Amino acid sequence: MANGGGGAGPVPVPGVFKLVFLTVLVLTVIFFATAVFLSYTLPQTPTDSQVTLFESCDFAWKACLGAILGLLGGKVAG
């Protein structure tokens, strides 16, 4: 047991998986940064479109984070 415990060793990672993972990671960072930026720059009484934009970015980074966890979980399980 040279790898420190019992397991099958490293999991091979295809290039397509890396591309998809990095794309989702970049989108997560962009949406999160945009949501943080908007939270500090929106006026006290934002318009409906500003609120919609903030809520969309807030949802998008959370959805992307879920996609990252799903990709990692699927890679480990499969």
PDB file of N, CA and C in Angstrom:
ATOM      1  N   MET A   1       0.833  -1.175   0.000  1.00  0.00           N
ATOM      2  CA  MET A   1       0.000   0.000   0.000  1.00  0.00           C
ATOM      3  C   MET A   1       0.880   1.241   0.000  1.00  0.00           C
ATOM      4  N   ALA A   2       1.416   1.521  -1.113  1.00  0.00           N
ATOM      5  CA  ALA A   2       2.346   2.627  -1.227  1.00  0.00           C
ATOM      6  C   ALA A   2       1.640   3.977  -1.280  1.00  0.00           C
ATOM      7  N   ASN A   3       0.340   4.005  -1.586  1.00  0.00           N
ATOM      8  CA  ASN A   3      -0.340   5.299  -1.689  1.00  0.00           C
ATOM      9  C   ASN A   3      -0.948   5.746  -0.366  1.00  0.00           C
ATOM     10  N   GLY A   4      -0.609   5.152   0.722  1.00  0.00           N
ATOM     11  CA  GLY A   4      -1.006   5.638   2.026  1.00  0.00           C
ATOM     12  C   GLY A   4      -2.342   5.157   2.531  1.00  0.00           C
ATOM     13  N   GLY A   5      -2.884   4.203   2.058  1.00  0.00           N
ATOM     14  CA  GLY A   5      -4.123   3.738   2.605  1.00  0.00           C
ATOM     15  C   GLY A   5      -4.860   2.774   1.766  1.00  0.00           C
ATOM     16  N   GLY A   6      -5.410   2.412   1.210  1.00  0.00           N
ATOM     17  CA  GLY A   6      -6.145   1.503   0.377  1.00  0.00           C
ATOM     18  C   GLY A   6      -6.853   2.172  -0.758  1.00  0.00           C
ATOM     19  N   GLY A   7      -7.037   2.472  -1.606  1.00  0.00           N
ATOM     20  CA  GLY A   7      -7.698   3.105  -2.697  1.00  0.00           C
ATOM     21  C   GLY A   7      -7.142   2.625  -4.009  1.00  0.00           C
ATOM     22  N   ALA A   8      -7.691   2.996  -5.027  1.00  0.00           N
ATOM     23  CA  ALA A   8      -7.305   2.538  -6.347  1.00  0.00           C
ATOM     24  C   ALA A   8      -6.245   3.433  -6.980  1.00  0.00           C
ATOM     25  N   GLY A   9      -5.834   4.459  -6.314  1.00  0.00           N
ATOM     26  CA  GLY A   9      -4.833   5.358  -6.874  1.00  0.00           C
ATOM     27  C   GLY A   9      -5.474   6.573  -7.512  1.00  0.00           C
ATOM     28  N   PRO A  10      -4.688   7.331  -8.229  1.00  0.00           N
ATOM     29  CA  PRO A  10      -5.231   8.557  -8.828  1.00  0.00           C
ATOM     30  C   PRO A  10      -6.255   8.273  -9.922  1.00  0.00           C
ATOM     31  N   VAL A  11      -7.209   9.167 -10.030  1.00  0.00           N
ATOM     32  CA  VAL A  11      -8.250   9.042 -11.035  1.00  0.00           C
ATOM     33  C   VAL A  11      -7.809   9.828 -12.274  1.00  0.00           C
ATOM     34  N   PRO A  12      -7.786   9.209 -13.440  1.00  0.00           N
ATOM     35  CA  PRO A  12      -7.413   9.956 -14.644  1.00  0.00           C
ATOM     36  C   PRO A  12      -8.467  11.023 -14.967  1.00  0.00           C
ATOM     37  N   VAL A  13      -8.018  12.205 -15.341  1.00  0.00           N
ATOM     38  CA  VAL A  13      -8.921  13.316 -15.619  1.00  0.00           C
ATOM     39  C   VAL A  13      -8.807  13.677 -17.100  1.00  0.00           C
ATOM     40  N   PRO A  14      -9.874  13.464 -17.875  1.00  0.00           N
ATOM     41  CA  PRO A  14      -9.833  13.812 -19.297  1.00  0.00           C
ATOM     42  C   PRO A  14      -9.781  15.330 -19.506  1.00  0.00           C
ATOM     43  N   GLY A  15      -9.286  15.722 -20.652  1.00  0.00           N
ATOM     44  CA  GLY A  15      -9.175  17.133 -20.973  1.00  0.00           C
ATOM     45  C   GLY A  15     -10.511  17.852 -21.039  1.00  0.00           C
ATOM     46  N   VAL A  16     -11.547  17.168 -21.512  1.00  0.00           N
ATOM     47  CA  VAL A  16     -12.880  17.779 -21.605  1.00  0.00           C
ATOM     48  C   VAL A  16     -13.405  18.104 -20.209  1.00  0.00           C
ATOM     49  N   PHE A  17     -13.176  17.202 -19.262  1.00  0.00           N
ATOM     50  CA  PHE A  17     -13.603  17.455 -17.886  1.00  0.00           C
ATOM     51  C   PHE A  17     -12.902  18.684 -17.334  1.00  0.00           C
ATOM     52  N   LYS A  18     -11.608  18.807 -17.592  1.00  0.00           N
ATOM     53  CA  LYS A  18     -10.855  19.970 -17.110  1.00  0.00           C
ATOM     54  C   LYS A  18     -11.410  21.254 -17.709  1.00  0.00           C
ATOM     55  N   LEU A  19     -11.738  21.216 -18.997  1.00  0.00           N
ATOM     56  CA  LEU A  19     -12.288  22.390 -19.669  1.00  0.00           C
ATOM     57  C   LEU A  19     -13.628  22.794 -19.066  1.00  0.00           C
ATOM     58  N   VAL A  20     -14.510  21.836 -18.869  1.00  0.00           N
ATOM     59  CA  VAL A  20     -15.821  22.125 -18.291  1.00  0.00           C
ATOM     60  C   VAL A  20     -15.666  22.631 -16.861  1.00  0.00           C
ATOM     61  N   PHE A  21     -14.810  21.989 -16.086  1.00  0.00           N
ATOM     62  CA  PHE A  21     -14.612  22.393 -14.697  1.00  0.00           C
ATOM     63  C   PHE A  21     -14.071  23.819 -14.612  1.00  0.00           C
ATOM     64  N   LEU A  22     -13.064  24.135 -15.416  1.00  0.00           N
ATOM     65  CA  LEU A  22     -12.494  25.483 -15.382  1.00  0.00           C
ATOM     66  C   LEU A  22     -13.493  26.530 -15.867  1.00  0.00           C
ATOM     67  N   THR A  23     -14.308  26.181 -16.850  1.00  0.00           N
ATOM     68  CA  THR A  23     -15.330  27.112 -17.332  1.00  0.00           C
ATOM     69  C   THR A  23     -16.335  27.428 -16.236  1.00  0.00           C
ATOM     70  N   VAL A  24     -16.808  26.399 -15.551  1.00  0.00           N
ATOM     71  CA  VAL A  24     -17.765  26.609 -14.467  1.00  0.00           C
ATOM     72  C   VAL A  24     -17.104  27.378 -13.316  1.00  0.00           C
ATOM     73  N   LEU A  25     -15.848  27.085 -13.038  1.00  0.00           N
ATOM     74  CA  LEU A  25     -15.138  27.794 -11.976  1.00  0.00           C
ATOM     75  C   LEU A  25     -15.005  29.282 -12.301  1.00  0.00           C
ATOM     76  N   VAL A  26     -14.651  29.601 -13.532  1.00  0.00           N
ATOM     77  CA  VAL A  26     -14.518  31.006 -13.940  1.00  0.00           C
ATOM     78  C   VAL A  26     -15.870  31.716 -13.867  1.00  0.00           C
ATOM     79  N   LEU A  27     -16.926  31.055 -14.323  1.00  0.00           N
ATOM     80  CA  LEU A  27     -18.254  31.653 -14.246  1.00  0.00           C
ATOM     81  C   LEU A  27     -18.673  31.894 -12.795  1.00  0.00           C
ATOM     82  N   THR A  28     -18.341  30.965 -11.909  1.00  0.00           N
ATOM     83  CA  THR A  28     -18.655  31.133 -10.496  1.00  0.00           C
ATOM     84  C   THR A  28     -17.988  32.381  -9.948  1.00  0.00           C
ATOM     85  N   VAL A  29     -16.715  32.549 -10.238  1.00  0.00           N
ATOM     86  CA  VAL A  29     -15.973  33.710  -9.739  1.00  0.00           C
ATOM     87  C   VAL A  29     -16.546  35.002 -10.319  1.00  0.00           C
ATOM     88  N   ILE A  30     -16.868  35.002 -11.607  1.00  0.00           N
ATOM     89  CA  ILE A  30     -17.409  36.214 -12.238  1.00  0.00           C
ATOM     90  C   ILE A  30     -18.755  36.596 -11.626  1.00  0.00           C
ATOM     91  N   PHE A  31     -19.652  35.628 -11.489  1.00  0.00           N
ATOM     92  CA  PHE A  31     -20.972  35.932 -10.931  1.00  0.00           C
ATOM     93  C   PHE A  31     -20.875  36.342  -9.462  1.00  0.00           C
ATOM     94  N   PHE A  32     -20.008  35.693  -8.702  1.00  0.00           N
ATOM     95  CA  PHE A  32     -19.844  36.062  -7.299  1.00  0.00           C
ATOM     96  C   PHE A  32     -19.285  37.476  -7.177  1.00  0.00           C
ATOM     97  N   ALA A  33     -18.263  37.787  -7.960  1.00  0.00           N
ATOM     98  CA  ALA A  33     -17.669  39.122  -7.918  1.00  0.00           C
ATOM     99  C   ALA A  33     -18.687  40.189  -8.337  1.00  0.00           C
ATOM    100  N   THR A  34     -19.492  39.880  -9.331  1.00  0.00           N
ATOM    101  CA  THR A  34     -20.517  40.830  -9.767  1.00  0.00           C
ATOM    102  C   THR A  34     -21.564  41.048  -8.685  1.00  0.00           C
ATOM    103  N   ALA A  35     -21.978  39.984  -8.017  1.00  0.00           N
ATOM    104  CA  ALA A  35     -22.955  40.122  -6.940  1.00  0.00           C
ATOM    105  C   ALA A  35     -22.392  40.950  -5.783  1.00  0.00           C
ATOM    106  N   VAL A  36     -21.136  40.718  -5.439  1.00  0.00           N
ATOM    107  CA  VAL A  36     -20.507  41.504  -4.367  1.00  0.00           C
ATOM    108  C   VAL A  36     -20.393  42.968  -4.791  1.00  0.00           C
ATOM    109  N   PHE A  37     -19.954  43.194  -6.026  1.00  0.00           N
ATOM    110  CA  PHE A  37     -19.836  44.560  -6.531  1.00  0.00           C
ATOM    111  C   PHE A  37     -21.180  45.275  -6.490  1.00  0.00           C
ATOM    112  N   LEU A  38     -22.224  44.600  -6.955  1.00  0.00           N
ATOM    113  CA  LEU A  38     -23.549  45.219  -6.962  1.00  0.00           C
ATOM    114  C   LEU A  38     -24.060  45.475  -5.549  1.00  0.00           C
ATOM    115  N   SER A  39     -23.737  44.600  -4.622  1.00  0.00           N
ATOM    116  CA  SER A  39     -24.222  44.799  -3.256  1.00  0.00           C
ATOM    117  C   SER A  39     -23.631  46.049  -2.618  1.00  0.00           C
ATOM    118  N   TYR A  40     -22.443  46.440  -3.054  1.00  0.00           N
ATOM    119  CA  TYR A  40     -21.821  47.648  -2.513  1.00  0.00           C
ATOM    120  C   TYR A  40     -22.154  48.906  -3.314  1.00  0.00           C
ATOM    121  N   THR A  41     -22.549  48.773  -4.562  1.00  0.00           N
ATOM    122  CA  THR A  41     -22.753  49.950  -5.401  1.00  0.00           C
ATOM    123  C   THR A  41     -24.208  50.295  -5.677  1.00  0.00           C
ATOM    124  N   LEU A  42     -25.133  49.415  -5.372  1.00  0.00           N
ATOM    125  CA  LEU A  42     -26.536  49.734  -5.622  1.00  0.00           C
ATOM    126  C   LEU A  42     -26.998  50.832  -4.667  1.00  0.00           C
ATOM    127  N   PRO A  43     -27.845  51.725  -5.148  1.00  0.00           N
ATOM    128  CA  PRO A  43     -28.364  52.781  -4.260  1.00  0.00           C
ATOM    129  C   PRO A  43     -29.314  52.207  -3.208  1.00  0.00           C
ATOM    130  N   GLN A  44     -29.687  53.045  -2.258  1.00  0.00           N
ATOM    131  CA  GLN A  44     -30.589  52.604  -1.184  1.00  0.00           C
ATOM    132  C   GLN A  44     -31.924  52.114  -1.736  1.00  0.00           C
ATOM    133  N   THR A  45     -32.407  52.734  -2.770  1.00  0.00           N
ATOM    134  CA  THR A  45     -33.660  52.309  -3.393  1.00  0.00           C
ATOM    135  C   THR A  45     -33.379  51.925  -4.848  1.00  0.00           C
ATOM    136  N   PRO A  46     -32.947  50.696  -5.066  1.00  0.00           N
ATOM    137  CA  PRO A  46     -32.618  50.274  -6.435  1.00  0.00           C
ATOM    138  C   PRO A  46     -33.877  50.099  -7.281  1.00  0.00           C
ATOM    139  N   THR A  47     -33.684  50.209  -8.582  1.00  0.00           N
ATOM    140  CA  THR A  47     -34.798  49.981  -9.501  1.00  0.00           C
ATOM    141  C   THR A  47     -35.069  48.475  -9.596  1.00  0.00           C
ATOM    142  N   ASP A  48     -36.170  48.143 -10.195  1.00  0.00           N
ATOM    143  CA  ASP A  48     -36.529  46.728 -10.344  1.00  0.00           C
ATOM    144  C   ASP A  48     -35.496  45.977 -11.185  1.00  0.00           C
ATOM    145  N   SER A  49     -34.984  46.617 -12.216  1.00  0.00           N
ATOM    146  CA  SER A  49     -34.002  45.942 -13.062  1.00  0.00           C
ATOM    147  C   SER A  49     -32.687  45.724 -12.314  1.00  0.00           C
ATOM    148  N   GLN A  50     -32.311  46.644 -11.442  1.00  0.00           N
ATOM    149  CA  GLN A  50     -31.093  46.461 -10.649  1.00  0.00           C
ATOM    150  C   GLN A  50     -31.260  45.313  -9.652  1.00  0.00           C
ATOM    151  N   VAL A  51     -32.419  45.228  -9.055  1.00  0.00           N
ATOM    152  CA  VAL A  51     -32.697  44.133  -8.122  1.00  0.00           C
ATOM    153  C   VAL A  51     -32.687  42.798  -8.861  1.00  0.00           C
ATOM    154  N   THR A  52     -33.275  42.773 -10.046  1.00  0.00           N
ATOM    155  CA  THR A  52     -33.304  41.550 -10.849  1.00  0.00           C
ATOM    156  C   THR A  52     -31.898  41.119 -11.237  1.00  0.00           C
ATOM    157  N   LEU A  53     -31.055  42.077 -11.626  1.00  0.00           N
ATOM    158  CA  LEU A  53     -29.679  41.764 -11.978  1.00  0.00           C
ATOM    159  C   LEU A  53     -28.930  41.190 -10.781  1.00  0.00           C
ATOM    160  N   PHE A  54     -29.083  41.795  -9.614  1.00  0.00           N
ATOM    161  CA  PHE A  54     -28.412  41.287  -8.423  1.00  0.00           C
ATOM    162  C   PHE A  54     -28.898  39.885  -8.077  1.00  0.00           C
ATOM    163  N   GLU A  55     -30.204  39.676  -8.107  1.00  0.00           N
ATOM    164  CA  GLU A  55     -30.750  38.356  -7.773  1.00  0.00           C
ATOM    165  C   GLU A  55     -30.306  37.302  -8.778  1.00  0.00           C
ATOM    166  N   SER A  56     -30.194  37.677 -10.043  1.00  0.00           N
ATOM    167  CA  SER A  56     -29.726  36.733 -11.058  1.00  0.00           C
ATOM    168  C   SER A  56     -28.277  36.327 -10.818  1.00  0.00           C
ATOM    169  N   CYS A  57     -27.424  37.301 -10.521  1.00  0.00           N
ATOM    170  CA  CYS A  57     -26.013  36.991 -10.238  1.00  0.00           C
ATOM    171  C   CYS A  57     -25.888  36.167  -8.966  1.00  0.00           C
ATOM    172  N   ASP A  58     -26.704  36.490  -7.965  1.00  0.00           N
ATOM    173  CA  ASP A  58     -26.665  35.740  -6.706  1.00  0.00           C
ATOM    174  C   ASP A  58     -27.062  34.282  -6.934  1.00  0.00           C
ATOM    175  N   PHE A  59     -28.118  34.065  -7.716  1.00  0.00           N
ATOM    176  CA  PHE A  59     -28.530  32.699  -8.025  1.00  0.00           C
ATOM    177  C   PHE A  59     -27.482  31.979  -8.869  1.00  0.00           C
ATOM    178  N   ALA A  60     -26.906  32.691  -9.841  1.00  0.00           N
ATOM    179  CA  ALA A  60     -25.981  32.061 -10.787  1.00  0.00           C
ATOM    180  C   ALA A  60     -24.727  31.546 -10.092  1.00  0.00           C
ATOM    181  N   TRP A  61     -24.146  32.312  -9.165  1.00  0.00           N
ATOM    182  CA  TRP A  61     -22.933  31.810  -8.525  1.00  0.00           C
ATOM    183  C   TRP A  61     -23.245  30.629  -7.616  1.00  0.00           C
ATOM    184  N   LYS A  62     -24.425  30.632  -7.026  1.00  0.00           N
ATOM    185  CA  LYS A  62     -24.805  29.483  -6.190  1.00  0.00           C
ATOM    186  C   LYS A  62     -25.053  28.240  -7.041  1.00  0.00           C
ATOM    187  N   ALA A  63     -25.667  28.422  -8.200  1.00  0.00           N
ATOM    188  CA  ALA A  63     -25.902  27.298  -9.115  1.00  0.00           C
ATOM    189  C   ALA A  63     -24.577  26.759  -9.654  1.00  0.00           C
ATOM    190  N   CYS A  64     -23.655  27.654  -9.971  1.00  0.00           N
ATOM    191  CA  CYS A  64     -22.337  27.223 -10.451  1.00  0.00           C
ATOM    192  C   CYS A  64     -21.578  26.475  -9.358  1.00  0.00           C
ATOM    193  N   LEU A  65     -21.709  26.925  -8.125  1.00  0.00           N
ATOM    194  CA  LEU A  65     -21.061  26.212  -7.019  1.00  0.00           C
ATOM    195  C   LEU A  65     -21.641  24.802  -6.888  1.00  0.00           C
ATOM    196  N   GLY A  66     -22.935  24.680  -7.042  1.00  0.00           N
ATOM    197  CA  GLY A  66     -23.557  23.359  -7.040  1.00  0.00           C
ATOM    198  C   GLY A  66     -23.067  22.499  -8.196  1.00  0.00           C
ATOM    199  N   ALA A  67     -22.849  23.112  -9.343  1.00  0.00           N
ATOM    200  CA  ALA A  67     -22.325  22.369 -10.492  1.00  0.00           C
ATOM    201  C   ALA A  67     -20.903  21.883 -10.223  1.00  0.00           C
ATOM    202  N   ILE A  68     -20.095  22.715  -9.576  1.00  0.00           N
ATOM    203  CA  ILE A  68     -18.729  22.302  -9.231  1.00  0.00           C
ATOM    204  C   ILE A  68     -18.758  21.102  -8.297  1.00  0.00           C
ATOM    205  N   LEU A  69     -19.600  21.180  -7.274  1.00  0.00           N
ATOM    206  CA  LEU A  69     -19.698  20.058  -6.341  1.00  0.00           C
ATOM    207  C   LEU A  69     -20.212  18.801  -7.051  1.00  0.00           C
ATOM    208  N   GLY A  70     -21.153  18.963  -7.966  1.00  0.00           N
ATOM    209  CA  GLY A  70     -21.659  17.829  -8.723  1.00  0.00           C
ATOM    210  C   GLY A  70     -20.597  17.226  -9.633  1.00  0.00           C
ATOM    211  N   LEU A  71     -19.814  18.084 -10.275  1.00  0.00           N
ATOM    212  CA  LEU A  71     -18.735  17.579 -11.134  1.00  0.00           C
ATOM    213  C   LEU A  71     -17.706  16.814 -10.319  1.00  0.00           C
ATOM    214  N   LEU A  72     -17.325  17.377  -9.188  1.00  0.00           N
ATOM    215  CA  LEU A  72     -16.322  16.695  -8.345  1.00  0.00           C
ATOM    216  C   LEU A  72     -16.878  15.398  -7.777  1.00  0.00           C
ATOM    217  N   GLY A  73     -18.124  15.430  -7.319  1.00  0.00           N
ATOM    218  CA  GLY A  73     -18.736  14.209  -6.789  1.00  0.00           C
ATOM    219  C   GLY A  73     -18.886  13.130  -7.839  1.00  0.00           C
ATOM    220  N   GLY A  74     -19.260  13.535  -9.030  1.00  0.00           N
ATOM    221  CA  GLY A  74     -19.383  12.557 -10.121  1.00  0.00           C
ATOM    222  C   GLY A  74     -18.045  11.990 -10.514  1.00  0.00           C
ATOM    223  N   LYS A  75     -17.002  12.798 -10.449  1.00  0.00           N
ATOM    224  CA  LYS A  75     -15.663  12.319 -10.809  1.00  0.00           C
ATOM    225  C   LYS A  75     -15.159  11.326  -9.776  1.00  0.00           C
ATOM    226  N   VAL A  76     -15.406  11.611  -8.514  1.00  0.00           N
ATOM    227  CA  VAL A  76     -14.953  10.706  -7.448  1.00  0.00           C
ATOM    228  C   VAL A  76     -15.736   9.395  -7.496  1.00  0.00           C
ATOM    229  N   ALA A  77     -17.051   9.471  -7.727  1.00  0.00           N
ATOM    230  CA  ALA A  77     -17.867   8.266  -7.740  1.00  0.00           C
ATOM    231  C   ALA A  77     -17.647   7.426  -8.991  1.00  0.00           C
ATOM    232  N   GLY A  78     -17.315   8.062 -10.071  1.00  0.00           N
ATOM    233  CA  GLY A  78     -17.231   7.323 -11.314  1.00  0.00           C
ATOM    234  C   GLY A  78     -15.846   7.039 -11.656  1.00  0.00           C
TER     235      GLY A  78
END
